[in-house]
Amino acid sequence: MKQAGDDPEAKKRIADSSGPVYERLLEYDNQQLTGELVPLYQSMLDHVTKNMWLAEPSTLDHYSALVEYVELWNRGLKQSLPTEVMFEVKHEEKKLDPFYADLDLQFKRLRDELKK
C-alpha cells in the first residue's frame, strides 16, 4: 500500500502550495539574522571589549567564546567561510551559555551589594 509520503505528485502539490510560505519564513529569518541579531552580538562584543577593564575575571574567561561566536557569524554572512565549517565547529549560541550565566551571577552579586 502506497503512503501519502511516497506519492511524488502529493509531495509536489504540498511543495507548490507551501513553498512560498517557507520562502518568506526563510527570508524573514535571514533578514532578522543579518539586520538585527548579528549586529546585536557585535554590539555586545564591542561593549565588552571597550569595558574589559571593568569586567570580573570570571567574565573575561568567556571573552574568547564571544569573539569566536561573533566572528564565525561575520565570516559566514560574508561568505568567507564555508557553511560546512560552521556545522563542523558546531557553531551554536549554546556555547555562550556559561558567559550568560556568569553575567547573570555578577549582576545579581552587584545588585545585592548595592542593596546593603
Foldseek 3Di string as FASTA:
>chain_A
DDDCVRDPVSVVVCCVVCVVVVVVVVVVVVCCVVVPVLVVLVVVLVVCVVVVVVDDPQLVVCNVVSVVLSVVSVCVVVVVDDPVVCVVVVNDCVSCVSNVVVVVVVVVVVVVVVVD
